Amino acid sequence: MARTLIAESKSPVDWTRLHEAVKPIRGRVEIFPVSFEGPMPQGLGLSIPQRNCNDLAWEELLQLADVLGKRFGMTVTDLATGAAFGPDTAEEIKKAFLAEPCGE
């Protein structure tokens, strides 16, 4: 089981540049490219295995969301709550992230 999120972009993603940007941050969060049809043609899946859902993974997730949003114009959405990361939603997402084991 895992907590899953999705990062979406309205424009093509430079995967090499993205990989270089997130590689030093990523340790607990697993990432993988995803494709969909519709208004958001490019995306990235983020998965935090249940064994890694803790404060350290939360901090890593915040850093990833910041880089993906600011450098790549991506919107990161928590699939469990349906909330997109932002100043008004970070606390809500964090409570859900830490309140129960991922995937339950």
Protein backbone atom coordinates (compact mmCIF):
# COMPACT_ATOMS: atom_id res chain seq x y z
CA MET A 1 0.00 0.00 0.00
CA ALA A 2 1.10 3.55 -0.63
CA ARG A 3 0.08 7.17 -0.66
CA THR A 4 -0.12 8.39 -4.25
CA LEU A 5 -0.02 11.81 -5.81
CA ILE A 6 0.11 13.13 -9.33
CA ALA A 7 1.97 16.09 -10.80
CA GLU A 8 0.47 17.44 -14.00
CA SER A 9 1.71 19.92 -16.57
CA LYS A 10 -0.12 21.66 -19.39
CA SER A 11 3.04 21.72 -21.49
CA PRO A 12 5.65 19.15 -22.45
CA VAL A 13 8.11 18.22 -19.73
CA ASP A 14 11.88 18.12 -20.21
CA TRP A 15 12.36 14.78 -18.45
CA THR A 16 16.16 15.06 -18.37
CA ARG A 17 16.01 18.45 -16.65
CA LEU A 18 13.28 17.25 -14.29
CA HIS A 19 15.28 14.16 -13.34
CA GLU A 20 18.35 16.29 -12.60
CA ALA A 21 16.26 18.63 -10.41
CA VAL A 22 14.56 15.94 -8.31
CA LYS A 23 17.36 13.38 -8.04
CA PRO A 24 19.11 15.07 -5.08
CA ILE A 25 15.79 15.45 -3.21
CA ARG A 26 14.21 12.07 -3.83
CA GLY A 27 14.88 9.26 -1.38
CA ARG A 28 11.59 8.15 0.13
CA VAL A 29 9.23 9.23 -2.63
CA GLU A 30 9.13 7.04 -5.73
CA ILE A 31 8.48 8.92 -8.99
CA PHE A 32 7.56 7.78 -12.47
CA PRO A 33 6.32 9.47 -15.68
CA VAL A 34 2.67 9.08 -16.66
CA SER A 35 0.78 10.07 -19.79
CA PHE A 36 -2.87 10.92 -20.17
CA GLU A 37 -5.19 12.36 -22.72
CA GLY A 38 -7.03 15.61 -22.21
CA PRO A 39 -5.97 19.07 -21.08
CA MET A 40 -3.01 17.81 -19.01
CA PRO A 41 -0.81 15.90 -21.45
CA GLN A 42 2.25 15.38 -19.25
CA GLY A 43 2.51 14.03 -15.75
CA LEU A 44 4.51 12.45 -13.02
CA GLY A 45 3.28 9.89 -10.52
CA LEU A 46 4.54 10.12 -6.95
CA SER A 47 4.23 7.21 -4.55
CA ILE A 48 5.25 6.95 -0.92
CA PRO A 49 5.34 3.34 0.30
CA GLN A 50 3.49 2.79 3.57
CA ARG A 51 6.72 2.04 5.41
CA ASN A 52 8.01 5.51 4.46
CA CYS A 53 5.01 7.64 5.46
CA ASN A 54 6.47 9.85 8.17
CA ASP A 55 7.69 13.39 8.82
CA LEU A 56 10.83 12.87 6.72
CA ALA A 57 8.80 11.72 3.72
CA TRP A 58 6.46 14.68 4.22
CA GLU A 59 9.38 17.14 4.09
CA GLU A 60 10.70 15.44 0.95
CA LEU A 61 7.26 15.63 -0.61
CA LEU A 62 7.05 19.37 0.16
CA GLN A 63 10.44 19.93 -1.48
CA LEU A 64 9.43 17.92 -4.55
CA ALA A 65 6.11 19.78 -4.85
CA ASP A 66 7.98 23.09 -4.61
CA VAL A 67 10.48 22.16 -7.34
CA LEU A 68 7.82 20.65 -9.60
CA GLY A 69 5.57 23.67 -9.20
CA LYS A 70 8.10 26.48 -9.42
CA ARG A 71 10.57 25.08 -11.95
CA PHE A 72 8.28 22.97 -14.12
CA GLY A 73 4.86 24.59 -13.71
CA MET A 74 3.33 21.34 -12.51
CA THR A 75 0.31 21.02 -10.24
CA VAL A 76 0.77 18.34 -7.56
CA THR A 77 -2.44 16.72 -6.32
CA ASP A 78 -2.89 14.28 -3.44
CA LEU A 79 -5.10 11.53 -4.84
CA ALA A 80 -6.41 10.53 -1.39
CA THR A 81 -7.84 13.97 -0.56
CA GLY A 82 -8.18 15.40 -4.07
CA ALA A 83 -6.42 18.57 -2.89
CA ALA A 84 -3.74 20.29 -4.96
CA PHE A 85 -0.64 21.39 -3.05
CA GLY A 86 -0.67 25.07 -2.18
CA PRO A 87 -0.36 27.42 0.78
CA ASP A 88 -4.03 26.92 1.65
CA THR A 89 -4.05 23.14 1.38
CA ALA A 90 -0.64 21.95 2.66
CA GLU A 91 -1.83 21.59 6.26
CA GLU A 92 -4.94 19.63 5.20
CA ILE A 93 -2.85 17.27 3.08
CA LYS A 94 -0.26 16.88 5.85
CA LYS A 95 -2.93 15.92 8.41
CA ALA A 96 -4.27 13.24 6.07
CA PHE A 97 -0.74 12.09 5.19
CA LEU A 98 0.35 11.63 8.82
CA ALA A 99 -3.01 10.76 10.42
CA GLU A 100 -3.13 7.18 9.24
CA PRO A 101 -0.80 4.75 7.53
CA CYS A 102 -0.59 5.32 3.78
CA GLY A 103 -3.10 3.41 1.75
CA GLU A 104 -5.54 2.72 4.56
